[in-house]
């Protein structure tokens, strides 16, 4: 699925979770022509953008939040806000500007 989502996009590298779902990462590297890097355990700063995004999501859904109360509309609103928020790592463009336009 990741391969399908990223095909055709400018992928320089991939930094997935250390889960078993990425055991075939060599195939992903070959198909996308991009290296896959894994962060060392207990070193979240090695996955800066991911951790920053998690913090942004926590603004809307704090720790302990009951996700059973979230509607699809709520999720779409947060997605919209975050995908149109400029990011320093994207040279102050939003993810929507970089990946959709």
PDB file of N, CA and C in Angstrom:
ATOM      1  N   UNK A   1       0.818  -1.196   0.000  1.00  0.00           N
ATOM      2  CA  UNK A   1       0.000   0.000   0.000  1.00  0.00           C
ATOM      3  C   UNK A   1       0.860   1.257   0.000  1.00  0.00           C
ATOM      4  N   UNK A   2       1.917   1.287   0.793  1.00  0.00           N
ATOM      5  CA  UNK A   2       2.800   2.450   0.832  1.00  0.00           C
ATOM      6  C   UNK A   2       3.386   2.692  -0.552  1.00  0.00           C
ATOM      7  N   UNK A   3       3.776   1.625  -1.173  1.00  0.00           N
ATOM      8  CA  UNK A   3       4.337   1.723  -2.529  1.00  0.00           C
ATOM      9  C   UNK A   3       3.349   2.389  -3.477  1.00  0.00           C
ATOM     10  N   UNK A   4       2.096   1.997  -3.417  1.00  0.00           N
ATOM     11  CA  UNK A   4       1.070   2.567  -4.294  1.00  0.00           C
ATOM     12  C   UNK A   4       0.862   4.050  -3.991  1.00  0.00           C
ATOM     13  N   UNK A   5       0.874   4.409  -2.720  1.00  0.00           N
ATOM     14  CA  UNK A   5       0.661   5.808  -2.340  1.00  0.00           C
ATOM     15  C   UNK A   5       1.810   6.705  -2.789  1.00  0.00           C
ATOM     16  N   UNK A   6       3.024   6.168  -2.788  1.00  0.00           N
ATOM     17  CA  UNK A   6       4.194   6.986  -3.081  1.00  0.00           C
ATOM     18  C   UNK A   6       4.646   6.945  -4.537  1.00  0.00           C
ATOM     19  N   UNK A   7       4.133   6.014  -5.314  1.00  0.00           N
ATOM     20  CA  UNK A   7       4.529   5.911  -6.709  1.00  0.00           C
ATOM     21  C   UNK A   7       4.194   7.211  -7.440  1.00  0.00           C
ATOM     22  N   UNK A   8       5.189   7.744  -8.122  1.00  0.00           N
ATOM     23  CA  UNK A   8       5.001   8.982  -8.867  1.00  0.00           C
ATOM     24  C   UNK A   8       5.309  10.242  -8.084  1.00  0.00           C
ATOM     25  N   UNK A   9       5.524  10.123  -6.771  1.00  0.00           N
ATOM     26  CA  UNK A   9       5.872  11.282  -5.953  1.00  0.00           C
ATOM     27  C   UNK A   9       7.388  11.378  -5.807  1.00  0.00           C
ATOM     28  N   UNK A  10       7.918  12.568  -5.538  1.00  0.00           N
ATOM     29  CA  UNK A  10       9.369  12.721  -5.378  1.00  0.00           C
ATOM     30  C   UNK A  10       9.830  12.194  -4.018  1.00  0.00           C
ATOM     31  N   UNK A  11      10.174  10.921  -3.949  1.00  0.00           N
ATOM     32  CA  UNK A  11      10.582  10.279  -2.700  1.00  0.00           C
ATOM     33  C   UNK A  11      12.111  10.239  -2.649  1.00  0.00           C
ATOM     34  N   UNK A  12      12.688  10.883  -1.639  1.00  0.00           N
ATOM     35  CA  UNK A  12      14.139  10.860  -1.458  1.00  0.00           C
ATOM     36  C   UNK A  12      14.568   9.755  -0.509  1.00  0.00           C
ATOM     37  N   UNK A  13      13.748   9.487   0.493  1.00  0.00           N
ATOM     38  CA  UNK A  13      14.007   8.421   1.454  1.00  0.00           C
ATOM     39  C   UNK A  13      12.717   8.149   2.217  1.00  0.00           C
ATOM     40  N   UNK A  14      12.704   7.023   2.925  1.00  0.00           N
ATOM     41  CA  UNK A  14      11.537   6.627   3.705  1.00  0.00           C
ATOM     42  C   UNK A  14      12.024   6.237   5.088  1.00  0.00           C
ATOM     43  N   UNK A  15      11.320   6.685   6.130  1.00  0.00           N
ATOM     44  CA  UNK A  15      11.656   6.339   7.511  1.00  0.00           C
ATOM     45  C   UNK A  15      10.413   5.774   8.195  1.00  0.00           C
ATOM     46  N   UNK A  16      10.158   4.482   8.028  1.00  0.00           N
ATOM     47  CA  UNK A  16       8.957   3.885   8.620  1.00  0.00           C
ATOM     48  C   UNK A  16       9.150   3.534  10.087  1.00  0.00           C
ATOM     49  N   UNK A  17       8.066   3.076  10.698  1.00  0.00           N
ATOM     50  CA  UNK A  17       8.155   2.535  12.047  1.00  0.00           C
ATOM     51  C   UNK A  17       8.986   1.267  12.018  1.00  0.00           C
ATOM     52  N   UNK A  18       9.387   0.819  13.184  1.00  0.00           N
ATOM     53  CA  UNK A  18      10.195  -0.401  13.278  1.00  0.00           C
ATOM     54  C   UNK A  18       9.337  -1.657  13.377  1.00  0.00           C
ATOM     55  N   UNK A  19       8.114  -1.596  12.917  1.00  0.00           N
ATOM     56  CA  UNK A  19       7.198  -2.722  13.007  1.00  0.00           C
ATOM     57  C   UNK A  19       7.505  -3.815  11.998  1.00  0.00           C
ATOM     58  N   UNK A  20       6.971  -4.981  12.279  1.00  0.00           N
ATOM     59  CA  UNK A  20       7.206  -6.151  11.420  1.00  0.00           C
ATOM     60  C   UNK A  20       6.583  -5.987  10.034  1.00  0.00           C
ATOM     61  N   UNK A  21       5.670  -5.028   9.879  1.00  0.00           N
ATOM     62  CA  UNK A  21       5.045  -4.815   8.575  1.00  0.00           C
ATOM     63  C   UNK A  21       6.035  -4.293   7.534  1.00  0.00           C
ATOM     64  N   UNK A  22       7.230  -3.923   7.974  1.00  0.00           N
ATOM     65  CA  UNK A  22       8.246  -3.421   7.047  1.00  0.00           C
ATOM     66  C   UNK A  22       9.403  -4.407   6.861  1.00  0.00           C
ATOM     67  N   UNK A  23       9.157  -5.674   7.119  1.00  0.00           N
ATOM     68  CA  UNK A  23      10.226  -6.666   6.946  1.00  0.00           C
ATOM     69  C   UNK A  23      10.665  -6.785   5.492  1.00  0.00           C
ATOM     70  N   UNK A  24       9.797  -6.443   4.558  1.00  0.00           N
ATOM     71  CA  UNK A  24      10.145  -6.504   3.134  1.00  0.00           C
ATOM     72  C   UNK A  24      10.572  -5.132   2.610  1.00  0.00           C
ATOM     73  N   UNK A  25      11.285  -4.382   3.441  1.00  0.00           N
ATOM     74  CA  UNK A  25      11.640  -3.017   3.063  1.00  0.00           C
ATOM     75  C   UNK A  25      12.574  -2.966   1.863  1.00  0.00           C
ATOM     76  N   UNK A  26      13.355  -4.017   1.631  1.00  0.00           N
ATOM     77  CA  UNK A  26      14.261  -4.022   0.470  1.00  0.00           C
ATOM     78  C   UNK A  26      13.472  -3.948  -0.842  1.00  0.00           C
ATOM     79  N   UNK A  27      12.333  -4.617  -0.893  1.00  0.00           N
ATOM     80  CA  UNK A  27      11.481  -4.558  -2.086  1.00  0.00           C
ATOM     81  C   UNK A  27      10.947  -3.138  -2.284  1.00  0.00           C
ATOM     82  N   UNK A  28      10.579  -2.494  -1.184  1.00  0.00           N
ATOM     83  CA  UNK A  28      10.095  -1.117  -1.245  1.00  0.00           C
ATOM     84  C   UNK A  28      11.186  -0.192  -1.780  1.00  0.00           C
ATOM     85  N   UNK A  29      12.419  -0.378  -1.294  1.00  0.00           N
ATOM     86  CA  UNK A  29      13.553   0.420  -1.775  1.00  0.00           C
ATOM     87  C   UNK A  29      13.726   0.262  -3.289  1.00  0.00           C
ATOM     88  N   UNK A  30      13.667  -0.963  -3.744  1.00  0.00           N
ATOM     89  CA  UNK A  30      13.865  -1.238  -5.173  1.00  0.00           C
ATOM     90  C   UNK A  30      12.749  -0.623  -6.021  1.00  0.00           C
ATOM     91  N   UNK A  31      11.524  -0.778  -5.592  1.00  0.00           N
ATOM     92  CA  UNK A  31      10.391  -0.294  -6.387  1.00  0.00           C
ATOM     93  C   UNK A  31      10.316   1.225  -6.434  1.00  0.00           C
ATOM     94  N   UNK A  32      10.706   1.890  -5.348  1.00  0.00           N
ATOM     95  CA  UNK A  32      10.639   3.355  -5.300  1.00  0.00           C
ATOM     96  C   UNK A  32      11.981   4.015  -5.580  1.00  0.00           C
ATOM     97  N   UNK A  33      13.041   3.208  -5.722  1.00  0.00           N
ATOM     98  CA  UNK A  33      14.390   3.725  -5.969  1.00  0.00           C
ATOM     99  C   UNK A  33      14.805   4.722  -4.889  1.00  0.00           C
ATOM    100  N   UNK A  34      14.473   4.393  -3.648  1.00  0.00           N
ATOM    101  CA  UNK A  34      14.777   5.253  -2.506  1.00  0.00           C
ATOM    102  C   UNK A  34      15.208   4.403  -1.323  1.00  0.00           C
ATOM    103  N   UNK A  35      16.180   4.880  -0.540  1.00  0.00           N
ATOM    104  CA  UNK A  35      16.589   4.114   0.638  1.00  0.00           C
ATOM    105  C   UNK A  35      15.547   4.184   1.751  1.00  0.00           C
ATOM    106  N   UNK A  36      15.498   3.128   2.543  1.00  0.00           N
ATOM    107  CA  UNK A  36      14.631   3.069   3.716  1.00  0.00           C
ATOM    108  C   UNK A  36      15.534   3.110   4.942  1.00  0.00           C
ATOM    109  N   UNK A  37      15.250   4.010   5.864  1.00  0.00           N
ATOM    110  CA  UNK A  37      16.013   4.142   7.095  1.00  0.00           C
ATOM    111  C   UNK A  37      15.102   3.835   8.276  1.00  0.00           C
ATOM    112  N   UNK A  38      15.657   3.167   9.270  1.00  0.00           N
ATOM    113  CA  UNK A  38      14.912   2.882  10.497  1.00  0.00           C
ATOM    114  C   UNK A  38      15.551   3.623  11.648  1.00  0.00           C
ATOM    115  N   UNK A  39      14.730   4.268  12.454  1.00  0.00           N
ATOM    116  CA  UNK A  39      15.240   4.960  13.640  1.00  0.00           C
ATOM    117  C   UNK A  39      15.628   3.927  14.694  1.00  0.00           C
ATOM    118  N   UNK A  40      16.616   4.280  15.479  1.00  0.00           N
ATOM    119  CA  UNK A  40      16.997   3.408  16.582  1.00  0.00           C
ATOM    120  C   UNK A  40      15.911   3.453  17.654  1.00  0.00           C
ATOM    121  N   UNK A  41      15.710   2.339  18.360  1.00  0.00           N
ATOM    122  CA  UNK A  41      14.687   2.332  19.417  1.00  0.00           C
ATOM    123  C   UNK A  41      14.945   3.427  20.457  1.00  0.00           C
ATOM    124  N   UNK A  42      13.883   4.052  20.914  1.00  0.00           N
ATOM    125  CA  UNK A  42      13.912   5.075  21.959  1.00  0.00           C
ATOM    126  C   UNK A  42      14.676   6.333  21.549  1.00  0.00           C
ATOM    127  N   UNK A  43      14.717   6.631  20.242  1.00  0.00           N
ATOM    128  CA  UNK A  43      15.350   7.853  19.746  1.00  0.00           C
ATOM    129  C   UNK A  43      14.395   8.547  18.767  1.00  0.00           C
ATOM    130  N   UNK A  44      13.295   9.105  19.297  1.00  0.00           N
ATOM    131  CA  UNK A  44      12.282   9.684  18.416  1.00  0.00           C
ATOM    132  C   UNK A  44      12.774  10.870  17.595  1.00  0.00           C
ATOM    133  N   UNK A  45      13.826  11.546  18.010  1.00  0.00           N
ATOM    134  CA  UNK A  45      14.328  12.687  17.262  1.00  0.00           C
ATOM    135  C   UNK A  45      14.865  12.268  15.894  1.00  0.00           C
ATOM    136  N   UNK A  46      15.115  10.974  15.709  1.00  0.00           N
ATOM    137  CA  UNK A  46      15.564  10.501  14.400  1.00  0.00           C
ATOM    138  C   UNK A  46      14.411  10.456  13.394  1.00  0.00           C
ATOM    139  N   UNK A  47      13.212  10.673  13.862  1.00  0.00           N
ATOM    140  CA  UNK A  47      12.026  10.724  13.000  1.00  0.00           C
ATOM    141  C   UNK A  47      11.308  12.045  13.251  1.00  0.00           C
ATOM    142  N   UNK A  48      12.020  13.133  13.031  1.00  0.00           N
ATOM    143  CA  UNK A  48      11.543  14.460  13.406  1.00  0.00           C
ATOM    144  C   UNK A  48      10.183  14.851  12.851  1.00  0.00           C
ATOM    145  N   UNK A  49       9.982  14.698  11.547  1.00  0.00           N
ATOM    146  CA  UNK A  49       8.710  15.110  10.956  1.00  0.00           C
ATOM    147  C   UNK A  49       7.555  14.299  11.511  1.00  0.00           C
ATOM    148  N   UNK A  50       7.778  13.007  11.701  1.00  0.00           N
ATOM    149  CA  UNK A  50       6.734  12.152  12.252  1.00  0.00           C
ATOM    150  C   UNK A  50       6.368  12.582  13.664  1.00  0.00           C
ATOM    151  N   UNK A  51       7.360  12.826  14.487  1.00  0.00           N
ATOM    152  CA  UNK A  51       7.098  13.229  15.869  1.00  0.00           C
ATOM    153  C   UNK A  51       6.441  14.608  15.925  1.00  0.00           C
ATOM    154  N   UNK A  52       6.871  15.517  15.051  1.00  0.00           N
ATOM    155  CA  UNK A  52       6.262  16.840  15.006  1.00  0.00           C
ATOM    156  C   UNK A  52       4.789  16.723  14.617  1.00  0.00           C
ATOM    157  N   UNK A  53       4.489  15.883  13.639  1.00  0.00           N
ATOM    158  CA  UNK A  53       3.101  15.697  13.210  1.00  0.00           C
ATOM    159  C   UNK A  53       2.266  15.099  14.337  1.00  0.00           C
ATOM    160  N   UNK A  54       2.830  14.149  15.059  1.00  0.00           N
ATOM    161  CA  UNK A  54       2.120  13.577  16.216  1.00  0.00           C
ATOM    162  C   UNK A  54       1.774  14.669  17.224  1.00  0.00           C
ATOM    163  N   UNK A  55       2.710  15.584  17.460  1.00  0.00           N
ATOM    164  CA  UNK A  55       2.446  16.691  18.397  1.00  0.00           C
ATOM    165  C   UNK A  55       1.335  17.602  17.877  1.00  0.00           C
ATOM    166  N   UNK A  56       1.339  17.863  16.568  1.00  0.00           N
ATOM    167  CA  UNK A  56       0.284  18.698  15.989  1.00  0.00           C
ATOM    168  C   UNK A  56      -1.084  18.029  16.150  1.00  0.00           C
ATOM    169  N   UNK A  57      -1.133  16.736  15.948  1.00  0.00           N
ATOM    170  CA  UNK A  57      -2.391  15.995  16.109  1.00  0.00           C
ATOM    171  C   UNK A  57      -2.842  16.038  17.565  1.00  0.00           C
ATOM    172  N   UNK A  58      -1.901  15.966  18.504  1.00  0.00           N
ATOM    173  CA  UNK A  58      -2.234  16.010  19.933  1.00  0.00           C
ATOM    174  C   UNK A  58      -2.849  17.337  20.340  1.00  0.00           C
ATOM    175  N   UNK A  59      -2.615  18.389  19.565  1.00  0.00           N
ATOM    176  CA  UNK A  59      -3.263  19.669  19.841  1.00  0.00           C
ATOM    177  C   UNK A  59      -4.784  19.502  19.760  1.00  0.00           C
ATOM    178  N   UNK A  60      -5.231  18.731  18.770  1.00  0.00           N
ATOM    179  CA  UNK A  60      -6.662  18.505  18.563  1.00  0.00           C
ATOM    180  C   UNK A  60      -7.199  17.357  19.414  1.00  0.00           C
ATOM    181  N   UNK A  61      -6.358  16.358  19.627  1.00  0.00           N
ATOM    182  CA  UNK A  61      -6.765  15.166  20.372  1.00  0.00           C
ATOM    183  C   UNK A  61      -5.724  14.890  21.460  1.00  0.00           C
ATOM    184  N   UNK A  62      -5.830  15.550  22.616  1.00  0.00           N
ATOM    185  CA  UNK A  62      -4.832  15.402  23.685  1.00  0.00           C
ATOM    186  C   UNK A  62      -4.752  13.972  24.208  1.00  0.00           C
ATOM    187  N   UNK A  63      -3.656  13.679  24.879  1.00  0.00           N
ATOM    188  CA  UNK A  63      -3.497  12.353  25.503  1.00  0.00           C
ATOM    189  C   UNK A  63      -4.694  12.079  26.390  1.00  0.00           C
ATOM    190  N   UNK A  64      -5.171  10.859  26.327  1.00  0.00           N
ATOM    191  CA  UNK A  64      -6.319  10.477  27.118  1.00  0.00           C
ATOM    192  C   UNK A  64      -7.646  10.758  26.442  1.00  0.00           C
ATOM    193  N   UNK A  65      -7.584  11.365  25.258  1.00  0.00           N
ATOM    194  CA  UNK A  65      -8.797  11.703  24.521  1.00  0.00           C
ATOM    195  C   UNK A  65      -9.547  10.429  24.138  1.00  0.00           C
ATOM    196  N   UNK A  66     -10.849  10.462  24.231  1.00  0.00           N
ATOM    197  CA  UNK A  66     -11.667   9.302  23.879  1.00  0.00           C
ATOM    198  C   UNK A  66     -11.972   9.345  22.375  1.00  0.00           C
ATOM    199  N   UNK A  67     -11.221   8.581  21.596  1.00  0.00           N
ATOM    200  CA  UNK A  67     -11.375   8.596  20.148  1.00  0.00           C
ATOM    201  C   UNK A  67     -12.696   7.989  19.682  1.00  0.00           C
ATOM    202  N   UNK A  68     -13.387   7.346  20.576  1.00  0.00           N
ATOM    203  CA  UNK A  68     -14.711   6.811  20.201  1.00  0.00           C
ATOM    204  C   UNK A  68     -15.701   7.927  19.925  1.00  0.00           C
ATOM    205  N   UNK A  69     -15.372   9.149  20.355  1.00  0.00           N
ATOM    206  CA  UNK A  69     -16.276  10.289  20.158  1.00  0.00           C
ATOM    207  C   UNK A  69     -15.976  11.060  18.873  1.00  0.00           C
ATOM    208  N   UNK A  70     -14.921  10.687  18.164  1.00  0.00           N
ATOM    209  CA  UNK A  70     -14.505  11.410  16.967  1.00  0.00           C
ATOM    210  C   UNK A  70     -15.321  10.946  15.760  1.00  0.00           C
ATOM    211  N   UNK A  71     -15.794  11.904  15.004  1.00  0.00           N
ATOM    212  CA  UNK A  71     -16.541  11.586  13.788  1.00  0.00           C
ATOM    213  C   UNK A  71     -15.607  11.649  12.578  1.00  0.00           C
ATOM    214  N   UNK A  72     -16.048  11.094  11.470  1.00  0.00           N
ATOM    215  CA  UNK A  72     -15.285  11.200  10.229  1.00  0.00           C
ATOM    216  C   UNK A  72     -15.106  12.664   9.838  1.00  0.00           C
ATOM    217  N   UNK A  73     -16.113  13.468  10.105  1.00  0.00           N
ATOM    218  CA  UNK A  73     -16.039  14.900   9.796  1.00  0.00           C
ATOM    219  C   UNK A  73     -14.941  15.571  10.636  1.00  0.00           C
ATOM    220  N   UNK A  74     -14.829  15.189  11.908  1.00  0.00           N
ATOM    221  CA  UNK A  74     -13.768  15.734  12.772  1.00  0.00           C
ATOM    222  C   UNK A  74     -12.390  15.406  12.189  1.00  0.00           C
ATOM    223  N   UNK A  75     -12.222  14.172  11.777  1.00  0.00           N
ATOM    224  CA  UNK A  75     -10.930  13.744  11.227  1.00  0.00           C
ATOM    225  C   UNK A  75     -10.623  14.492   9.939  1.00  0.00           C
ATOM    226  N   UNK A  76     -11.615  14.637   9.068  1.00  0.00           N
ATOM    227  CA  UNK A  76     -11.408  15.372   7.821  1.00  0.00           C
ATOM    228  C   UNK A  76     -11.011  16.830   8.088  1.00  0.00           C
ATOM    229  N   UNK A  77     -11.605  17.445   9.102  1.00  0.00           N
ATOM    230  CA  UNK A  77     -11.272  18.826   9.443  1.00  0.00           C
ATOM    231  C   UNK A  77      -9.811  18.927   9.893  1.00  0.00           C
ATOM    232  N   UNK A  78      -9.380  18.030  10.772  1.00  0.00           N
ATOM    233  CA  UNK A  78      -7.994  18.051  11.249  1.00  0.00           C
ATOM    234  C   UNK A  78      -7.044  17.766  10.084  1.00  0.00           C
ATOM    235  N   UNK A  79      -7.371  16.805   9.249  1.00  0.00           N
ATOM    236  CA  UNK A  79      -6.545  16.524   8.062  1.00  0.00           C
ATOM    237  C   UNK A  79      -6.400  17.778   7.210  1.00  0.00           C
ATOM    238  N   UNK A  80      -7.511  18.443   6.964  1.00  0.00           N
ATOM    239  CA  UNK A  80      -7.517  19.650   6.133  1.00  0.00           C
ATOM    240  C   UNK A  80      -6.622  20.728   6.750  1.00  0.00           C
ATOM    241  N   UNK A  81      -6.773  20.957   8.028  1.00  0.00           N
ATOM    242  CA  UNK A  81      -5.971  21.981   8.706  1.00  0.00           C
ATOM    243  C   UNK A  81      -4.481  21.652   8.657  1.00  0.00           C
ATOM    244  N   UNK A  82      -4.127  20.409   8.943  1.00  0.00           N
ATOM    245  CA  UNK A  82      -2.714  20.025   8.967  1.00  0.00           C
ATOM    246  C   UNK A  82      -2.114  19.957   7.568  1.00  0.00           C
ATOM    247  N   UNK A  83      -2.879  19.502   6.596  1.00  0.00           N
ATOM    248  CA  UNK A  83      -2.357  19.395   5.236  1.00  0.00           C
ATOM    249  C   UNK A  83      -2.201  20.744   4.548  1.00  0.00           C
ATOM    250  N   UNK A  84      -2.826  21.780   5.099  1.00  0.00           N
ATOM    251  CA  UNK A  84      -2.681  23.113   4.527  1.00  0.00           C
ATOM    252  C   UNK A  84      -1.854  24.046   5.428  1.00  0.00           C
ATOM    253  N   UNK A  85      -1.208  23.488   6.412  1.00  0.00           N
ATOM    254  CA  UNK A  85      -0.345  24.258   7.312  1.00  0.00           C
ATOM    255  C   UNK A  85       1.089  24.238   6.765  1.00  0.00           C
ATOM    256  N   UNK A  86       1.690  25.402   6.526  1.00  0.00           N
ATOM    257  CA  UNK A  86       3.068  25.434   6.015  1.00  0.00           C
ATOM    258  C   UNK A  86       4.040  24.757   6.988  1.00  0.00           C
ATOM    259  N   UNK A  87       5.029  24.089   6.422  1.00  0.00           N
ATOM    260  CA  UNK A  87       6.041  23.383   7.224  1.00  0.00           C
ATOM    261  C   UNK A  87       7.432  23.854   6.839  1.00  0.00           C
ATOM    262  N   UNK A  88       8.248  24.074   7.837  1.00  0.00           N
ATOM    263  CA  UNK A  88       9.626  24.510   7.605  1.00  0.00           C
ATOM    264  C   UNK A  88      10.374  23.492   6.745  1.00  0.00           C
ATOM    265  N   UNK A  89      10.164  22.192   7.026  1.00  0.00           N
ATOM    266  CA  UNK A  89      10.891  21.140   6.293  1.00  0.00           C
ATOM    267  C   UNK A  89      10.478  21.070   4.826  1.00  0.00           C
ATOM    268  N   UNK A  90       9.390  21.758   4.453  1.00  0.00           N
ATOM    269  CA  UNK A  90       8.931  21.804   3.057  1.00  0.00           C
ATOM    270  C   UNK A  90       9.153  23.200   2.473  1.00  0.00           C
ATOM    271  N   UNK A  91      10.134  23.916   3.037  1.00  0.00           N
ATOM    272  CA  UNK A  91      10.452  25.283   2.608  1.00  0.00           C
ATOM    273  C   UNK A  91       9.232  26.194   2.709  1.00  0.00           C
ATOM    274  N   UNK A  92       8.526  26.047   3.784  1.00  0.00           N
ATOM    275  CA  UNK A  92       7.356  26.838   4.142  1.00  0.00           C
ATOM    276  C   UNK A  92       6.177  26.665   3.179  1.00  0.00           C
ATOM    277  N   UNK A  93       6.163  25.535   2.491  1.00  0.00           N
ATOM    278  CA  UNK A  93       4.972  25.160   1.725  1.00  0.00           C
ATOM    279  C   UNK A  93       4.184  24.174   2.566  1.00  0.00           C
ATOM    280  N   UNK A  94       2.928  24.045   2.259  1.00  0.00           N
ATOM    281  CA  UNK A  94       2.105  23.070   2.974  1.00  0.00           C
ATOM    282  C   UNK A  94       2.250  21.704   2.292  1.00  0.00           C
ATOM    283  N   UNK A  95       1.970  20.611   3.010  1.00  0.00           N
ATOM    284  CA  UNK A  95       1.979  19.293   2.366  1.00  0.00           C
ATOM    285  C   UNK A  95       1.052  19.253   1.147  1.00  0.00           C
ATOM    286  N   UNK A  96      -0.075  19.928   1.224  1.00  0.00           N
ATOM    287  CA  UNK A  96      -1.004  19.951   0.088  1.00  0.00           C
ATOM    288  C   UNK A  96      -0.353  20.606  -1.130  1.00  0.00           C
ATOM    289  N   UNK A  97       0.375  21.697  -0.905  1.00  0.00           N
ATOM    290  CA  UNK A  97       1.050  22.382  -2.027  1.00  0.00           C
ATOM    291  C   UNK A  97       2.112  21.488  -2.661  1.00  0.00           C
ATOM    292  N   UNK A  98       2.853  20.778  -1.835  1.00  0.00           N
ATOM    293  CA  UNK A  98       3.954  19.944  -2.334  1.00  0.00           C
ATOM    294  C   UNK A  98       3.455  18.693  -3.024  1.00  0.00           C
ATOM    295  N   UNK A  99       2.473  18.034  -2.442  1.00  0.00           N
ATOM    296  CA  UNK A  99       2.088  16.725  -2.941  1.00  0.00           C
ATOM    297  C   UNK A  99       0.832  16.699  -3.811  1.00  0.00           C
ATOM    298  N   UNK A 100       0.076  17.785  -3.837  1.00  0.00           N
ATOM    299  CA  UNK A 100      -1.196  17.739  -4.570  1.00  0.00           C
ATOM    300  C   UNK A 100      -1.292  18.725  -5.716  1.00  0.00           C
ATOM    301  N   UNK A 101      -0.431  19.742  -5.742  1.00  0.00           N
ATOM    302  CA  UNK A 101      -0.572  20.762  -6.788  1.00  0.00           C
ATOM    303  C   UNK A 101       0.643  20.787  -7.690  1.00  0.00           C
TER     304      UNK A 101
END
